[in-house]
Amino acid sequence: MPLLTEAIAEAVGAIDAALLRLDEGTDAVTGLNDVRSHILSVLWLVERNPGIEAAADDLYQAAAAFVRAKADPSTGNRHKRILNDAMARFRERLAMAVPSVQAQRLGLA
């Protein structure tokens, strides 16, 4: 399963990079689209799992809330912590991931 692990790590790294760009203040719409796209890439690689799907949804919602809150410094730090926690939960859930049929067909599993 090392190829699957590498593919997931690459997609999660892309999510991290997109979140960093959001934190730096780049175009929020593009940044959120990038986050969503990379989350979907991860979900495509792994078998459906309600815990992973919930963590993915929480991550995207936290990213969107972070973007909205960035305009208000009094809540921005709180939302950044929430976003970091959501990313940590997403990573934890992915540790239990099983390769999807698509990943198996690509020889990643």
N, C-alpha and C. Protein backbone atom coordinates (compact mmCIF):
# COMPACT_ATOMS: atom_id res chain seq x y z
N MET A 1 0.80 -1.20 0.00
CA MET A 1 0.00 0.00 0.00
C MET A 1 0.84 1.27 0.00
N PRO A 2 2.14 1.20 -0.22
CA PRO A 2 2.95 2.42 -0.20
C PRO A 2 2.55 3.42 -1.29
N LEU A 3 2.14 2.95 -2.47
CA LEU A 3 1.76 3.89 -3.52
C LEU A 3 0.50 4.66 -3.13
N LEU A 4 -0.45 3.98 -2.51
CA LEU A 4 -1.65 4.67 -2.04
C LEU A 4 -1.28 5.69 -0.98
N THR A 5 -0.43 5.30 -0.07
CA THR A 5 0.01 6.20 1.00
C THR A 5 0.67 7.44 0.40
N GLU A 6 1.50 7.23 -0.62
CA GLU A 6 2.15 8.36 -1.29
C GLU A 6 1.13 9.26 -1.98
N ALA A 7 0.15 8.66 -2.65
CA ALA A 7 -0.87 9.44 -3.35
C ALA A 7 -1.69 10.25 -2.37
N ILE A 8 -2.05 9.64 -1.25
CA ILE A 8 -2.82 10.36 -0.23
C ILE A 8 -1.96 11.48 0.37
N ALA A 9 -0.70 11.17 0.66
CA ALA A 9 0.19 12.18 1.24
C ALA A 9 0.36 13.36 0.29
N GLU A 10 0.44 13.09 -1.00
CA GLU A 10 0.57 14.16 -1.99
C GLU A 10 -0.68 15.05 -1.99
N ALA A 11 -1.86 14.43 -1.96
CA ALA A 11 -3.10 15.19 -1.96
C ALA A 11 -3.25 15.98 -0.65
N VAL A 12 -2.89 15.38 0.46
CA VAL A 12 -2.98 16.08 1.75
C VAL A 12 -1.97 17.24 1.77
N GLY A 13 -0.81 17.03 1.19
CA GLY A 13 0.17 18.11 1.08
C GLY A 13 -0.37 19.27 0.24
N ALA A 14 -1.12 18.93 -0.81
CA ALA A 14 -1.73 19.97 -1.64
C ALA A 14 -2.81 20.73 -0.85
N ILE A 15 -3.54 20.02 0.02
CA ILE A 15 -4.51 20.68 0.88
C ILE A 15 -3.79 21.64 1.83
N ASP A 16 -2.70 21.16 2.44
CA ASP A 16 -1.92 22.01 3.33
C ASP A 16 -1.45 23.27 2.61
N ALA A 17 -0.98 23.11 1.38
CA ALA A 17 -0.49 24.25 0.60
C ALA A 17 -1.63 25.23 0.30
N ALA A 18 -2.80 24.70 -0.04
CA ALA A 18 -3.95 25.56 -0.32
C ALA A 18 -4.38 26.31 0.94
N LEU A 19 -4.35 25.64 2.08
CA LEU A 19 -4.71 26.30 3.34
C LEU A 19 -3.69 27.39 3.69
N LEU A 20 -2.44 27.13 3.41
CA LEU A 20 -1.40 28.14 3.65
C LEU A 20 -1.64 29.36 2.78
N ARG A 21 -2.00 29.13 1.52
CA ARG A 21 -2.30 30.26 0.63
C ARG A 21 -3.51 31.05 1.14
N LEU A 22 -4.50 30.35 1.66
CA LEU A 22 -5.65 31.05 2.24
C LEU A 22 -5.22 31.91 3.43
N ASP A 23 -4.35 31.36 4.25
CA ASP A 23 -3.86 32.09 5.41
C ASP A 23 -3.06 33.33 4.99
N GLU A 24 -2.37 33.21 3.88
CA GLU A 24 -1.56 34.33 3.38
C GLU A 24 -2.42 35.38 2.67
N GLY A 25 -3.69 35.06 2.46
CA GLY A 25 -4.59 36.05 1.91
C GLY A 25 -4.75 36.01 0.40
N THR A 26 -4.43 34.90 -0.23
CA THR A 26 -4.65 34.82 -1.67
C THR A 26 -6.15 34.75 -1.96
N ASP A 27 -6.48 34.73 -3.22
CA ASP A 27 -7.87 34.71 -3.66
C ASP A 27 -8.64 33.61 -2.95
N ALA A 28 -9.62 34.01 -2.15
CA ALA A 28 -10.36 33.06 -1.32
C ALA A 28 -11.16 32.06 -2.15
N VAL A 29 -11.78 32.51 -3.21
CA VAL A 29 -12.59 31.61 -4.03
C VAL A 29 -11.71 30.53 -4.64
N THR A 30 -10.59 30.94 -5.22
CA THR A 30 -9.67 29.97 -5.81
C THR A 30 -9.11 29.04 -4.74
N GLY A 31 -8.75 29.60 -3.60
CA GLY A 31 -8.21 28.80 -2.51
C GLY A 31 -9.19 27.75 -2.01
N LEU A 32 -10.43 28.15 -1.82
CA LEU A 32 -11.45 27.19 -1.37
C LEU A 32 -11.73 26.14 -2.44
N ASN A 33 -11.71 26.54 -3.70
CA ASN A 33 -11.87 25.56 -4.78
C ASN A 33 -10.73 24.56 -4.78
N ASP A 34 -9.52 25.04 -4.52
CA ASP A 34 -8.37 24.14 -4.45
C ASP A 34 -8.51 23.16 -3.29
N VAL A 35 -8.92 23.66 -2.14
CA VAL A 35 -9.12 22.79 -0.97
C VAL A 35 -10.15 21.71 -1.31
N ARG A 36 -11.28 22.13 -1.87
CA ARG A 36 -12.33 21.17 -2.22
C ARG A 36 -11.83 20.15 -3.24
N SER A 37 -11.12 20.61 -4.25
CA SER A 37 -10.62 19.71 -5.29
C SER A 37 -9.68 18.65 -4.71
N HIS A 38 -8.79 19.07 -3.83
CA HIS A 38 -7.83 18.12 -3.26
C HIS A 38 -8.51 17.17 -2.26
N ILE A 39 -9.51 17.66 -1.54
CA ILE A 39 -10.28 16.77 -0.67
C ILE A 39 -10.97 15.71 -1.51
N LEU A 40 -11.57 16.12 -2.62
CA LEU A 40 -12.24 15.16 -3.51
C LEU A 40 -11.25 14.15 -4.08
N SER A 41 -10.04 14.58 -4.35
CA SER A 41 -9.01 13.66 -4.84
C SER A 41 -8.73 12.57 -3.79
N VAL A 42 -8.63 12.99 -2.54
CA VAL A 42 -8.40 12.02 -1.47
C VAL A 42 -9.59 11.07 -1.37
N LEU A 43 -10.79 11.62 -1.39
CA LEU A 43 -11.98 10.77 -1.26
C LEU A 43 -12.10 9.79 -2.42
N TRP A 44 -11.60 10.15 -3.58
CA TRP A 44 -11.63 9.27 -4.74
C TRP A 44 -10.68 8.08 -4.54
N LEU A 45 -9.60 8.31 -3.79
CA LEU A 45 -8.58 7.27 -3.59
C LEU A 45 -8.96 6.25 -2.52
N VAL A 46 -9.89 6.63 -1.62
CA VAL A 46 -10.20 5.75 -0.50
C VAL A 46 -11.64 5.26 -0.58
N GLU A 47 -11.85 4.08 -0.01
CA GLU A 47 -13.19 3.51 0.06
C GLU A 47 -14.09 4.43 0.89
N ARG A 48 -15.36 4.48 0.53
CA ARG A 48 -16.29 5.33 1.28
C ARG A 48 -16.25 4.95 2.75
N ASN A 49 -16.19 5.98 3.58
CA ASN A 49 -16.12 5.79 5.02
C ASN A 49 -16.78 7.02 5.65
N PRO A 50 -17.85 6.80 6.41
CA PRO A 50 -18.56 7.95 6.99
C PRO A 50 -17.67 8.86 7.85
N GLY A 51 -16.73 8.28 8.55
CA GLY A 51 -15.84 9.08 9.39
C GLY A 51 -14.92 9.97 8.56
N ILE A 52 -14.39 9.42 7.48
CA ILE A 52 -13.52 10.20 6.59
C ILE A 52 -14.34 11.28 5.89
N GLU A 53 -15.53 10.90 5.44
CA GLU A 53 -16.39 11.87 4.75
C GLU A 53 -16.80 13.01 5.68
N ALA A 54 -17.11 12.69 6.93
CA ALA A 54 -17.47 13.74 7.90
C ALA A 54 -16.28 14.65 8.18
N ALA A 55 -15.10 14.06 8.32
CA ALA A 55 -13.90 14.86 8.56
C ALA A 55 -13.59 15.74 7.36
N ALA A 56 -13.81 15.22 6.15
CA ALA A 56 -13.59 16.01 4.94
C ALA A 56 -14.55 17.19 4.88
N ASP A 57 -15.81 16.93 5.20
CA ASP A 57 -16.80 18.00 5.20
C ASP A 57 -16.47 19.05 6.26
N ASP A 58 -16.09 18.59 7.45
CA ASP A 58 -15.71 19.52 8.52
C ASP A 58 -14.52 20.38 8.09
N LEU A 59 -13.55 19.77 7.43
CA LEU A 59 -12.37 20.49 6.97
C LEU A 59 -12.76 21.59 5.99
N TYR A 60 -13.59 21.25 5.02
CA TYR A 60 -13.99 22.26 4.04
C TYR A 60 -14.79 23.38 4.72
N GLN A 61 -15.72 23.01 5.59
CA GLN A 61 -16.52 24.02 6.28
C GLN A 61 -15.65 24.91 7.16
N ALA A 62 -14.65 24.32 7.80
CA ALA A 62 -13.73 25.11 8.63
C ALA A 62 -12.90 26.07 7.76
N ALA A 63 -12.50 25.61 6.58
CA ALA A 63 -11.75 26.48 5.67
C ALA A 63 -12.62 27.65 5.22
N ALA A 64 -13.86 27.36 4.88
CA ALA A 64 -14.78 28.43 4.46
C ALA A 64 -15.02 29.42 5.59
N ALA A 65 -15.21 28.92 6.81
CA ALA A 65 -15.42 29.80 7.97
C ALA A 65 -14.17 30.63 8.25
N PHE A 66 -13.01 30.03 8.07
CA PHE A 66 -11.75 30.74 8.27
C PHE A 66 -11.64 31.91 7.29
N VAL A 67 -12.00 31.67 6.03
CA VAL A 67 -11.95 32.74 5.03
C VAL A 67 -12.90 33.88 5.42
N ARG A 68 -14.11 33.52 5.83
CA ARG A 68 -15.07 34.55 6.24
C ARG A 68 -14.56 35.32 7.46
N ALA A 69 -13.93 34.63 8.39
CA ALA A 69 -13.50 35.25 9.64
C ALA A 69 -12.20 36.03 9.51
N LYS A 70 -11.46 35.80 8.45
CA LYS A 70 -10.18 36.48 8.28
C LYS A 70 -10.32 37.99 8.28
N ALA A 71 -11.46 38.48 7.86
CA ALA A 71 -11.69 39.92 7.82
C ALA A 71 -11.81 40.51 9.23
N ASP A 72 -12.09 39.67 10.22
CA ASP A 72 -12.26 40.13 11.59
C ASP A 72 -11.17 39.53 12.47
N PRO A 73 -10.14 40.30 12.79
CA PRO A 73 -9.02 39.76 13.57
C PRO A 73 -9.44 39.19 14.94
N SER A 74 -10.55 39.65 15.48
CA SER A 74 -10.96 39.16 16.79
C SER A 74 -11.41 37.71 16.75
N THR A 75 -11.88 37.22 15.60
CA THR A 75 -12.30 35.82 15.50
C THR A 75 -11.38 34.99 14.61
N GLY A 76 -10.50 35.65 13.89
CA GLY A 76 -9.62 34.94 12.95
C GLY A 76 -8.76 33.87 13.60
N ASN A 77 -8.19 34.18 14.78
CA ASN A 77 -7.33 33.20 15.45
C ASN A 77 -8.12 31.98 15.90
N ARG A 78 -9.32 32.21 16.38
CA ARG A 78 -10.17 31.08 16.80
C ARG A 78 -10.47 30.18 15.62
N HIS A 79 -10.81 30.78 14.50
CA HIS A 79 -11.13 29.99 13.32
C HIS A 79 -9.89 29.28 12.76
N LYS A 80 -8.74 29.87 12.94
CA LYS A 80 -7.52 29.19 12.50
C LYS A 80 -7.29 27.93 13.34
N ARG A 81 -7.53 28.02 14.64
CA ARG A 81 -7.40 26.84 15.50
C ARG A 81 -8.41 25.77 15.10
N ILE A 82 -9.63 26.20 14.82
CA ILE A 82 -10.66 25.25 14.39
C ILE A 82 -10.24 24.58 13.08
N LEU A 83 -9.70 25.36 12.16
CA LEU A 83 -9.23 24.81 10.89
C LEU A 83 -8.09 23.82 11.11
N ASN A 84 -7.15 24.16 11.97
CA ASN A 84 -6.04 23.24 12.26
C ASN A 84 -6.55 21.95 12.90
N ASP A 85 -7.52 22.06 13.79
CA ASP A 85 -8.11 20.87 14.41
C ASP A 85 -8.82 20.00 13.37
N ALA A 86 -9.54 20.65 12.46
CA ALA A 86 -10.25 19.91 11.41
C ALA A 86 -9.26 19.17 10.50
N MET A 87 -8.15 19.81 10.19
CA MET A 87 -7.13 19.15 9.36
C MET A 87 -6.53 17.97 10.11
N ALA A 88 -6.29 18.12 11.39
CA ALA A 88 -5.74 17.02 12.19
C ALA A 88 -6.71 15.83 12.23
N ARG A 89 -8.01 16.11 12.39
CA ARG A 89 -9.02 15.03 12.39
C ARG A 89 -9.06 14.34 11.03
N PHE A 90 -8.97 15.11 9.96
CA PHE A 90 -8.97 14.54 8.62
C PHE A 90 -7.78 13.58 8.46
N ARG A 91 -6.61 14.01 8.89
CA ARG A 91 -5.41 13.15 8.82
C ARG A 91 -5.60 11.88 9.65
N GLU A 92 -6.15 12.03 10.85
CA GLU A 92 -6.38 10.87 11.73
C GLU A 92 -7.31 9.86 11.07
N ARG A 93 -8.38 10.35 10.48
CA ARG A 93 -9.35 9.46 9.82
C ARG A 93 -8.72 8.76 8.62
N LEU A 94 -7.86 9.46 7.91
CA LEU A 94 -7.22 8.86 6.74
C LEU A 94 -6.28 7.72 7.12
N ALA A 95 -5.83 7.71 8.36
CA ALA A 95 -4.95 6.62 8.80
C ALA A 95 -5.66 5.27 8.73
N MET A 96 -7.01 5.30 8.76
CA MET A 96 -7.79 4.07 8.71
C MET A 96 -8.33 3.78 7.30
N ALA A 97 -7.87 4.55 6.32
CA ALA A 97 -8.42 4.45 4.97
C ALA A 97 -8.11 3.11 4.31
N VAL A 98 -9.07 2.67 3.53
CA VAL A 98 -8.95 1.46 2.72
C VAL A 98 -8.96 1.93 1.27
N PRO A 99 -8.13 1.35 0.41
CA PRO A 99 -8.09 1.79 -0.99
C PRO A 99 -9.45 1.61 -1.68
N SER A 100 -9.80 2.57 -2.50
CA SER A 100 -11.03 2.47 -3.28
C SER A 100 -10.81 1.54 -4.46
N VAL A 101 -11.89 1.16 -5.11
CA VAL A 101 -11.80 0.34 -6.31
C VAL A 101 -10.98 1.08 -7.37
N GLN A 102 -11.19 2.38 -7.49
CA GLN A 102 -10.45 3.17 -8.47
C GLN A 102 -8.95 3.12 -8.19
N ALA A 103 -8.58 3.27 -6.93
CA ALA A 103 -7.16 3.23 -6.55
C ALA A 103 -6.59 1.84 -6.86
N GLN A 104 -7.37 0.80 -6.61
CA GLN A 104 -6.91 -0.55 -6.90
C GLN A 104 -6.69 -0.74 -8.40
N ARG A 105 -7.62 -0.22 -9.20
CA ARG A 105 -7.48 -0.34 -10.66
C ARG A 105 -6.25 0.38 -11.18
N LEU A 106 -5.87 1.46 -10.49
CA LEU A 106 -4.67 2.19 -10.90
C LEU A 106 -3.40 1.54 -10.37
N GLY A 107 -3.55 0.47 -9.59
CA GLY A 107 -2.39 -0.21 -9.04
C GLY A 107 -1.80 0.49 -7.84
N LEU A 108 -2.58 1.30 -7.17
CA LEU A 108 -2.09 2.02 -5.99
C LEU A 108 -2.20 1.21 -4.71
N ALA A 109 -2.92 0.11 -4.80
CA ALA A 109 -3.12 -0.71 -3.60
C ALA A 109 -2.43 -2.05 -3.72
